[in-house]
Protein backbone atom coordinates (compact mmCIF):
# COMPACT_ATOMS: atom_id res chain seq x y z
CA MET A 1 93.05 -191.50 -7.55
CA ILE A 2 89.75 -192.33 -5.90
CA SER A 3 89.46 -191.59 -2.22
CA PRO A 4 88.00 -194.46 -0.15
CA GLU A 5 84.40 -193.93 0.92
CA LYS A 6 82.02 -196.06 2.92
CA LEU A 7 78.89 -196.95 1.00
CA THR A 8 75.84 -195.69 2.86
CA LEU A 9 72.46 -195.43 1.21
CA ASN A 10 69.61 -193.63 2.92
CA GLY A 11 66.12 -195.08 2.66
CA ASP A 12 65.24 -196.02 -0.89
CA GLU A 13 68.21 -194.23 -2.47
CA ILE A 14 69.70 -195.66 -5.66
CA LEU A 15 73.36 -194.95 -6.33
CA VAL A 16 74.31 -195.07 -10.01
CA VAL A 17 78.05 -195.30 -10.65
CA PHE A 18 79.28 -194.43 -14.16
CA ALA A 19 82.91 -195.29 -14.90
CA GLY A 20 85.28 -196.73 -17.45
CA LYS A 21 84.65 -200.45 -17.90
CA SER A 22 88.13 -201.37 -16.63
CA GLU A 23 87.81 -198.95 -13.69
CA LEU A 24 84.39 -199.89 -12.32
CA GLY A 25 85.64 -202.71 -10.08
CA GLY A 26 88.16 -200.42 -8.40
CA VAL A 27 85.57 -197.69 -7.98
CA LEU A 28 83.10 -200.09 -6.34
CA GLU A 29 85.88 -201.41 -4.09
CA SER A 30 86.75 -197.85 -3.03
CA LEU A 31 83.10 -197.28 -2.17
CA GLY A 32 83.14 -200.32 0.12
CA VAL A 33 80.70 -202.38 -1.95
CA GLY A 34 82.35 -205.67 -1.03
CA ARG A 35 82.51 -208.98 -2.85
CA ILE A 36 80.20 -209.43 -5.83
CA GLU A 37 78.96 -212.89 -6.79
CA LYS A 38 76.51 -214.20 -9.39
CA HIS A 39 73.39 -216.30 -9.01
CA GLU A 40 72.99 -219.34 -11.28
CA ASN A 41 71.05 -217.17 -13.77
CA GLY A 42 73.98 -214.73 -13.94
CA ASP A 43 72.44 -211.94 -11.86
CA PRO A 44 74.98 -210.24 -9.59
CA TYR A 45 74.49 -209.98 -5.85
CA LEU A 46 76.38 -208.83 -2.76
CA PRO A 47 76.57 -211.82 -0.38
CA GLU A 48 77.88 -209.85 2.58
CA SER A 49 75.60 -206.84 2.23
CA GLU A 50 72.02 -205.71 2.59
CA TYR A 51 72.29 -203.93 -0.77
CA TYR A 52 71.19 -205.02 -4.24
CA ILE A 53 73.29 -204.40 -7.35
CA SER A 54 72.81 -204.35 -11.12
CA PHE A 55 75.34 -203.81 -13.93
CA SER A 56 75.39 -202.74 -17.54
CA HIS A 57 78.12 -201.84 -19.99
CA LYS A 58 78.46 -200.48 -23.49
CA ASP A 59 81.63 -199.75 -25.40
CA ASP A 60 84.31 -198.87 -22.84
CA ILE A 61 81.98 -197.62 -20.13
CA ALA A 62 80.13 -199.41 -17.36
CA VAL A 63 77.32 -198.57 -14.98
CA ALA A 64 76.39 -200.08 -11.63
CA ALA A 65 73.19 -199.35 -9.70
CA ILE A 66 73.17 -200.10 -5.98
CA SER A 67 70.10 -199.89 -3.75
CA ASN A 68 68.46 -201.05 -0.52
CA SER A 69 65.85 -202.80 -2.68
CA ARG A 70 65.79 -204.55 -6.05
CA VAL A 71 67.21 -202.51 -8.89
CA GLY A 72 67.88 -202.87 -12.61
CA VAL A 73 70.04 -200.71 -14.86
CA ASP A 74 70.92 -200.50 -18.54
CA VAL A 75 73.10 -198.17 -20.60
CA GLU A 76 73.28 -197.59 -24.34
CA ASN A 77 75.16 -195.26 -26.66
CA VAL A 78 72.34 -193.38 -28.39
CA THR A 79 74.47 -192.44 -31.41
CA ILE A 80 74.78 -195.99 -32.77
CA PRO A 81 72.41 -196.37 -35.76
CA ARG A 82 69.64 -199.00 -35.58
CA ASN A 83 66.81 -199.97 -37.90
CA VAL A 84 64.07 -198.41 -35.80
CA GLU A 85 61.27 -199.38 -38.20
CA ARG A 86 62.20 -203.08 -38.10
CA LEU A 87 62.83 -203.11 -34.35
CA SER A 88 59.52 -201.34 -33.63
CA ARG A 89 57.72 -204.62 -34.30
CA LEU A 90 59.27 -206.09 -31.15
CA PHE A 91 57.34 -203.78 -28.85
CA HIS A 92 53.76 -203.20 -27.80
CA ALA A 93 52.00 -201.16 -30.53
CA SER A 94 51.42 -198.25 -28.13
CA GLU A 95 55.18 -198.01 -27.49
CA ALA A 96 56.49 -198.19 -31.07
CA PRO A 97 59.46 -195.81 -31.23
CA GLU A 98 59.44 -193.10 -33.87
CA SER A 99 63.08 -192.06 -33.64
CA LEU A 100 66.45 -193.54 -32.79
CA TYR A 101 66.39 -191.80 -29.40
CA ASP A 102 62.88 -193.15 -28.71
CA PHE A 103 64.12 -196.65 -29.55
CA TYR A 104 67.03 -196.40 -27.08
CA ARG A 105 64.78 -194.94 -24.40
CA LEU A 106 62.41 -197.89 -24.79
CA TRP A 107 65.14 -200.54 -25.14
CA THR A 108 67.03 -199.38 -22.04
CA SER A 109 63.74 -199.37 -20.14
CA LYS A 110 63.03 -202.97 -21.14
CA GLU A 111 66.56 -204.09 -20.21
CA ALA A 112 66.40 -202.34 -16.83
CA VAL A 113 62.98 -203.85 -16.03
CA GLY A 114 64.19 -207.32 -17.10
CA LYS A 115 67.09 -207.02 -14.66
CA TYR A 116 64.84 -205.60 -11.93
CA GLU A 117 62.37 -208.48 -12.32
CA GLY A 118 65.13 -211.08 -12.74
CA THR A 119 63.70 -212.30 -16.06
CA GLY A 120 65.99 -210.62 -18.53
CA ILE A 121 64.58 -209.67 -21.93
CA THR A 122 61.65 -211.91 -22.86
CA THR A 123 59.05 -211.68 -25.62
CA GLU A 124 56.44 -211.06 -22.93
CA LEU A 125 58.47 -208.18 -21.49
CA LEU A 126 59.01 -206.64 -24.94
CA LYS A 127 55.25 -206.67 -25.60
CA LYS A 128 54.26 -205.40 -22.13
CA LYS A 129 53.95 -201.64 -21.65
CA THR A 130 56.89 -200.38 -19.62
CA THR A 131 56.31 -198.09 -16.64
CA ASP A 132 58.22 -196.81 -13.62
CA VAL A 133 61.62 -196.44 -15.30
CA ARG A 134 63.68 -193.28 -15.02
CA HIS A 135 66.41 -192.12 -17.38
CA LEU A 136 69.69 -190.26 -16.94
CA GLU A 137 71.80 -188.86 -19.75
CA TYR A 138 75.57 -188.63 -19.75
CA GLY A 139 77.17 -187.49 -23.00
CA ASP A 140 76.18 -189.96 -25.74
CA TYR A 141 74.89 -192.46 -23.17
CA LEU A 142 71.38 -193.04 -21.92
CA ILE A 143 70.97 -194.85 -18.61
CA ALA A 144 67.67 -196.44 -17.53
CA VAL A 145 67.02 -197.27 -13.88
CA ALA A 146 64.20 -199.51 -12.63
CA GLY A 147 63.73 -199.41 -8.88
CA LYS A 148 62.35 -197.36 -6.04
CA GLY A 149 63.98 -194.32 -4.53
CA GLU A 150 65.84 -191.16 -5.29
CA ILE A 151 68.69 -191.56 -7.78
CA THR A 152 72.16 -190.20 -7.11
CA MET A 153 74.74 -190.53 -9.89
CA LYS A 154 78.50 -190.50 -9.44
CA THR A 155 80.84 -190.37 -12.42
CA TYR A 156 84.47 -191.44 -12.39
């Protein structure tokens, strides 16, 4: 059972919530996040709040990032095989991944930046060098966060 908390972020703090996909809504409700709606482009927002929110999910887990300023988040299971050599052609030559882990680190960065900028994944974004993204690891999952501020992660 999750104890009710009131969501309070200090300064440029980013709260990353990691939970089961079917549990994330209840966790966010218990934190006092409030109603979540979507813009026409599908981006989530909190209409009755000063906070920004971003979501990602993979397999049966989900991640939400909440901040006082724009934020983007992505999560991937780094154990799922991919054709790194073929996928390397998608990225800027200076960022070409050499390993499966490198690929996921780069891909999650691109996804998080696309959400942060509100563009999603575009050819231009894939070819542009990615900066200012931080990563968290949790078991087989890699989480990328684009945004300003100190990151706090809560797992449920």
